[in-house]
Amino acid sequence: MKAKENTKTDLKIEIFIVEDKNEHMKQIKKAINKCILKSNYPMKISFCTNSSEEFLKYLESRKNKVGVYFLDVDMRNKKLTGYNLAEKILEVDKNSEINFVTSYVDTRDIAYDHHSIRNSSFIEKDINGLDTPEFRKKINEQLNFAYEKFTKSGCYVASIYPFKVEDGERMYVKHSEILYATTIGRTKDKNIVLHTTFGECEFRETLVKMLNDLGGGFARPNNQYLVNLSKIITYSHDEIEIDNKITIPVSEKLRKKFKASYDAASNFYR
């Protein structure tokens, strides 16, 4: 298997801001960037605009529809308020995390008239400006929530898995390239055979440690295997099929836990 030399983790969780006032836009961006820097989250601000129409054009052109959105409620175009934009977002991005940033908290009641956005979050604009500890705290809370939501669902995970082969060489593989891993031998530190989209490799590790390092998006159908949930083609009661046509049994002991992980990932990838 060819070693992957790029050790950088891809920034995958995209953030989008639609804000009517340029000064507020700058302050929201500043608060978000401070949170990302402090928390070291795999996030980035991908698009900012003060135009509802411009945002909709951008939304239609995006391939990856999942993201975190910060929307001003009261836009210049009264027919395309933040609430209207949120409904458009949810048509293409049902797993999005939407946050309304508004000076008018009482408009929250209006959101309940828009059934699809009732569960969105509200961040109040301070009358003294947005460059305040309170506002930054609210931004931080919402980004923390989004990060936990996306990583636990298996949609977003650290994209590079590092490991050392027998001669000590350090290698890297993208999570999206991993199909499954299986153990050989009966020692405590078992040898793992890692199967990827471009080959396979053997190294010394345990599946428990590997699963902890990989995070969301992976699960163990039995004690000898670990699989990438996004690579499952079919799933029956007692076995799964990976997209390289390999069939792997699901043990009775781990069936309930594996099914819960599979369902969570499936809901996100739909």
Protein backbone atom coordinates (compact mmCIF):
# COMPACT_ATOMS: atom_id res chain seq x y z
CA MET A 1 0.00 0.00 0.00
CA LYS A 2 1.36 3.41 -0.93
CA ALA A 3 1.96 5.76 1.98
CA LYS A 4 -0.09 8.93 2.13
CA GLU A 5 2.28 11.80 2.85
CA ASN A 6 -0.18 14.62 3.39
CA THR A 7 -0.63 14.88 7.17
CA LYS A 8 -2.94 17.89 7.17
CA THR A 9 -6.51 17.37 8.31
CA ASP A 10 -9.00 18.68 5.76
CA LEU A 11 -11.29 21.45 6.99
CA LYS A 12 -14.67 19.97 6.29
CA ILE A 13 -17.24 21.64 8.50
CA GLU A 14 -18.25 24.68 6.51
CA ILE A 15 -19.77 27.81 8.02
CA PHE A 16 -22.01 30.27 6.15
CA ILE A 17 -23.03 33.77 7.21
CA VAL A 18 -25.86 35.88 5.81
CA GLU A 19 -25.94 39.27 7.53
CA ASP A 20 -27.57 42.50 6.41
CA LYS A 21 -25.13 44.91 8.10
CA ASN A 22 -21.45 44.87 7.12
CA GLU A 23 -20.24 45.83 10.61
CA HIS A 24 -22.21 43.00 12.18
CA MET A 25 -20.82 40.66 9.52
CA LYS A 26 -17.25 41.53 10.55
CA GLN A 27 -18.02 40.99 14.23
CA ILE A 28 -19.73 37.64 13.64
CA LYS A 29 -16.77 36.46 11.55
CA LYS A 30 -14.38 37.62 14.26
CA ALA A 31 -16.29 35.73 16.97
CA ILE A 32 -16.45 32.53 14.88
CA ASN A 33 -12.75 32.63 13.97
CA LYS A 34 -11.78 33.14 17.62
CA CYS A 35 -13.80 30.09 18.59
CA ILE A 36 -12.28 27.95 15.81
CA LEU A 37 -8.76 29.03 16.77
CA LYS A 38 -9.32 28.39 20.48
CA SER A 39 -11.04 25.03 20.06
CA ASN A 40 -8.95 23.85 17.09
CA TYR A 41 -12.12 22.61 15.39
CA PRO A 42 -11.97 21.37 11.77
CA MET A 43 -14.14 24.27 10.61
CA LYS A 44 -13.89 27.18 8.22
CA ILE A 45 -16.00 30.12 7.08
CA SER A 46 -16.76 29.30 3.45
CA PHE A 47 -19.16 32.04 2.38
CA CYS A 48 -20.40 35.40 3.65
CA THR A 49 -22.90 37.77 2.07
CA ASN A 50 -25.38 40.53 2.90
CA SER A 51 -27.65 39.49 0.02
CA SER A 52 -30.34 36.82 0.33
CA GLU A 53 -30.42 36.39 -3.44
CA GLU A 54 -26.66 35.90 -3.66
CA PHE A 55 -26.77 33.31 -0.92
CA LEU A 56 -29.50 31.29 -2.67
CA LYS A 57 -27.46 31.21 -5.88
CA TYR A 58 -24.47 29.97 -3.92
CA LEU A 59 -26.55 27.36 -2.08
CA GLU A 60 -27.81 25.92 -5.38
CA SER A 61 -24.25 25.63 -6.70
CA ARG A 62 -22.81 23.78 -3.69
CA LYS A 63 -22.01 20.08 -3.94
CA ASN A 64 -21.53 19.49 -0.22
CA LYS A 65 -24.79 20.70 1.29
CA VAL A 66 -24.05 20.12 4.98
CA GLY A 67 -22.97 23.07 7.08
CA VAL A 68 -23.47 25.52 9.93
CA TYR A 69 -25.47 28.64 9.09
CA PHE A 70 -25.68 32.01 10.85
CA LEU A 71 -28.61 33.96 9.41
CA ASP A 72 -29.80 37.50 10.02
CA VAL A 73 -33.58 37.46 10.36
CA ASP A 74 -34.47 40.94 9.12
CA MET A 75 -33.02 41.19 5.59
CA ARG A 76 -33.49 43.99 3.04
CA ASN A 77 -35.56 41.71 0.85
CA LYS A 78 -38.64 41.17 3.02
CA LYS A 79 -39.65 38.21 0.87
CA LEU A 80 -36.36 36.46 1.66
CA THR A 81 -35.90 36.85 5.40
CA GLY A 82 -33.66 34.62 7.47
CA TYR A 83 -36.64 32.35 8.08
CA ASN A 84 -37.27 31.99 4.34
CA LEU A 85 -33.59 31.22 3.74
CA ALA A 86 -33.63 28.59 6.50
CA GLU A 87 -36.53 26.79 4.82
CA LYS A 88 -34.62 26.81 1.51
CA ILE A 89 -31.54 25.42 3.28
CA LEU A 90 -33.50 22.59 4.85
CA GLU A 91 -34.84 21.54 1.47
CA VAL A 92 -31.29 20.57 0.43
CA ASP A 93 -29.55 20.23 3.80
CA LYS A 94 -31.85 18.58 6.33
CA ASN A 95 -28.92 17.94 8.69
CA SER A 96 -27.82 21.57 8.77
CA GLU A 97 -27.30 23.51 11.97
CA ILE A 98 -29.14 26.84 11.63
CA ASN A 99 -28.63 29.79 13.96
CA PHE A 100 -30.63 33.01 13.70
CA VAL A 101 -28.70 36.11 14.73
CA THR A 102 -31.18 38.88 15.48
CA SER A 103 -31.84 42.06 17.44
CA TYR A 104 -35.48 41.11 17.77
CA VAL A 105 -35.85 38.16 20.11
CA ASP A 106 -39.63 38.47 19.95
CA THR A 107 -39.45 37.33 16.32
CA ARG A 108 -38.72 33.87 17.70
CA ASP A 109 -42.46 33.31 17.88
CA ILE A 110 -42.67 33.81 14.11
CA ALA A 111 -40.36 30.85 13.65
CA TYR A 112 -43.05 28.57 15.03
CA ASP A 113 -45.19 29.46 12.03
CA HIS A 114 -42.43 27.90 9.92
CA HIS A 115 -42.71 24.30 11.12
CA SER A 116 -39.48 23.06 9.54
CA ILE A 117 -37.29 25.56 11.42
CA ARG A 118 -38.77 25.33 14.91
CA ASN A 119 -35.66 23.64 16.27
CA SER A 120 -33.24 26.31 15.08
CA SER A 121 -31.20 28.32 17.58
CA PHE A 122 -31.39 32.04 18.30
CA ILE A 123 -28.49 34.33 19.16
CA GLU A 124 -29.43 37.81 20.32
CA LYS A 125 -27.49 40.81 19.05
CA ASP A 126 -26.32 43.01 21.90
CA ILE A 127 -27.46 46.63 21.69
CA ASN A 128 -23.87 47.69 22.43
CA GLY A 129 -22.43 45.70 19.53
CA LEU A 130 -21.38 42.13 18.84
CA ASP A 131 -17.75 42.33 19.95
CA THR A 132 -18.59 41.29 23.52
CA PRO A 133 -17.75 38.27 25.71
CA GLU A 134 -21.45 37.39 25.93
CA PHE A 135 -21.92 37.27 22.18
CA ARG A 136 -18.71 35.27 21.66
CA LYS A 137 -19.87 32.83 24.34
CA LYS A 138 -23.14 32.24 22.46
CA ILE A 139 -21.28 31.69 19.18
CA ASN A 140 -18.91 29.30 20.95
CA GLU A 141 -21.81 27.29 22.41
CA GLN A 142 -23.44 26.86 18.99
CA LEU A 143 -20.21 25.80 17.30
CA ASN A 144 -19.53 23.31 20.11
CA PHE A 145 -23.01 21.88 19.63
CA ALA A 146 -22.56 21.64 15.84
CA TYR A 147 -19.19 19.94 16.18
CA GLU A 148 -20.57 17.34 18.59
CA LYS A 149 -23.61 16.75 16.37
CA PHE A 150 -21.63 16.25 13.18
CA THR A 151 -18.83 14.11 14.62
CA LYS A 152 -21.19 11.82 16.57
CA SER A 153 -23.34 11.33 13.49
CA GLY A 154 -20.30 10.17 11.54
CA CYS A 155 -20.62 12.85 8.90
CA TYR A 156 -17.52 14.77 9.90
CA VAL A 157 -14.46 13.19 11.41
CA ALA A 158 -10.76 14.00 11.42
CA SER A 159 -9.95 12.99 7.86
CA ILE A 160 -6.50 11.43 8.29
CA TYR A 161 -5.66 8.23 10.18
CA PRO A 162 -1.92 7.88 10.97
CA PHE A 163 -0.21 4.57 11.77
CA LYS A 164 3.24 2.95 11.78
CA VAL A 165 4.13 -0.15 9.81
CA GLU A 166 6.64 -2.79 10.95
CA ASP A 167 9.78 -0.93 9.84
CA GLY A 168 8.71 2.18 11.77
CA GLU A 169 7.62 4.15 8.70
CA ARG A 170 4.71 6.47 9.44
CA MET A 171 1.83 6.24 7.00
CA TYR A 172 -1.44 8.07 6.52
CA VAL A 173 -4.79 7.14 5.03
CA LYS A 174 -7.91 9.23 4.59
CA HIS A 175 -10.96 8.02 6.51
CA SER A 176 -12.94 8.08 3.27
CA GLU A 177 -10.46 5.56 1.78
CA ILE A 178 -10.87 3.00 4.59
CA LEU A 179 -13.19 0.06 3.83
CA TYR A 180 -12.65 -2.11 6.91
CA ALA A 181 -9.99 -3.49 9.24
CA THR A 182 -9.63 -6.97 10.68
CA THR A 183 -7.37 -8.61 13.27
CA ILE A 184 -5.06 -11.59 13.02
CA GLY A 185 -3.36 -13.42 15.90
CA ARG A 186 -4.42 -13.73 19.52
CA THR A 187 -1.98 -11.45 21.36
CA LYS A 188 -3.11 -8.37 23.26
CA ASP A 189 -1.59 -6.02 20.68
CA LYS A 190 -2.98 -7.73 17.59
CA ASN A 191 -1.86 -7.24 14.05
CA ILE A 192 -4.43 -5.35 12.02
CA VAL A 193 -4.94 -5.73 8.29
CA LEU A 194 -6.32 -2.45 6.99
CA HIS A 195 -8.30 -2.71 3.74
CA THR A 196 -8.66 0.50 1.73
CA THR A 197 -9.90 1.58 -1.68
CA PHE A 198 -6.33 1.37 -3.02
CA GLY A 199 -4.87 -1.69 -1.27
CA GLU A 200 -4.17 -3.20 2.13
CA CYS A 201 -1.55 -2.90 4.84
CA GLU A 202 -0.65 -4.70 8.06
CA PHE A 203 0.39 -2.99 11.30
CA ARG A 204 0.33 -3.60 15.04
CA GLU A 205 -2.65 -2.16 16.94
CA THR A 206 -5.92 -3.13 18.62
CA LEU A 207 -9.35 -2.54 17.10
CA VAL A 208 -10.47 -0.83 20.32
CA LYS A 209 -7.68 1.76 20.06
CA MET A 210 -8.21 2.17 16.33
CA LEU A 211 -11.94 2.80 16.78
CA ASN A 212 -11.25 5.43 19.45
CA ASP A 213 -8.73 7.16 17.16
CA LEU A 214 -11.06 7.15 14.16
CA GLY A 215 -14.08 8.53 16.04
CA GLY A 216 -17.53 8.74 14.43
CA GLY A 217 -18.41 7.00 11.19
CA PHE A 218 -16.88 3.62 12.14
CA ALA A 219 -18.17 0.67 14.18
CA ARG A 220 -17.45 -2.97 15.03
CA PRO A 221 -19.94 -5.57 13.73
CA ASN A 222 -18.03 -8.27 15.63
CA ASN A 223 -14.83 -8.63 17.67
CA GLN A 224 -12.60 -9.27 14.64
CA TYR A 225 -13.76 -6.44 12.35
CA LEU A 226 -14.09 -2.66 12.22
CA VAL A 227 -15.94 -1.12 9.26
CA ASN A 228 -16.46 2.27 7.66
CA LEU A 229 -20.25 2.74 7.96
CA SER A 230 -20.39 4.83 4.79
CA LYS A 231 -19.02 1.89 2.78
CA ILE A 232 -21.84 -0.51 3.65
CA ILE A 233 -23.96 -1.47 0.63
CA THR A 234 -26.46 -3.79 2.31
CA TYR A 235 -27.26 -4.62 5.92
CA SER A 236 -29.33 -7.58 7.07
CA HIS A 237 -29.97 -8.90 10.56
CA ASP A 238 -26.73 -10.86 10.88
CA GLU A 239 -24.39 -9.63 8.13
CA ILE A 240 -23.28 -6.61 6.10
CA GLU A 241 -21.81 -6.20 2.65
CA ILE A 242 -19.01 -3.69 2.06
CA ASP A 243 -18.73 -2.01 -1.33
CA ASN A 244 -15.81 -4.22 -2.37
CA LYS A 245 -18.29 -7.15 -2.27
CA ILE A 246 -16.96 -8.49 1.06
CA THR A 247 -19.55 -9.97 3.43
CA ILE A 248 -18.92 -9.52 7.16
CA PRO A 249 -20.97 -11.18 9.93
CA VAL A 250 -22.67 -9.13 12.66
CA SER A 251 -22.34 -10.85 16.03
CA GLU A 252 -25.28 -11.22 18.38
CA LYS A 253 -23.28 -9.60 21.19
CA LEU A 254 -22.55 -6.39 19.25
CA ARG A 255 -25.68 -6.34 17.06
CA LYS A 256 -27.68 -3.74 19.02
CA LYS A 257 -24.78 -1.30 19.38
CA PHE A 258 -23.73 -1.73 15.76
CA LYS A 259 -27.29 -1.22 14.51
CA ALA A 260 -27.54 2.05 16.47
CA SER A 261 -24.29 3.34 14.92
CA TYR A 262 -25.40 2.23 11.45
CA ASP A 263 -28.82 3.91 11.77
CA ALA A 264 -27.26 7.18 12.98
CA ALA A 265 -24.86 7.27 10.04
CA SER A 266 -27.55 6.22 7.54
CA ASN A 267 -29.84 9.05 8.63
CA PHE A 268 -27.06 11.51 8.03
CA TYR A 269 -25.93 10.19 4.64
CA ARG A 270 -29.45 10.06 3.18
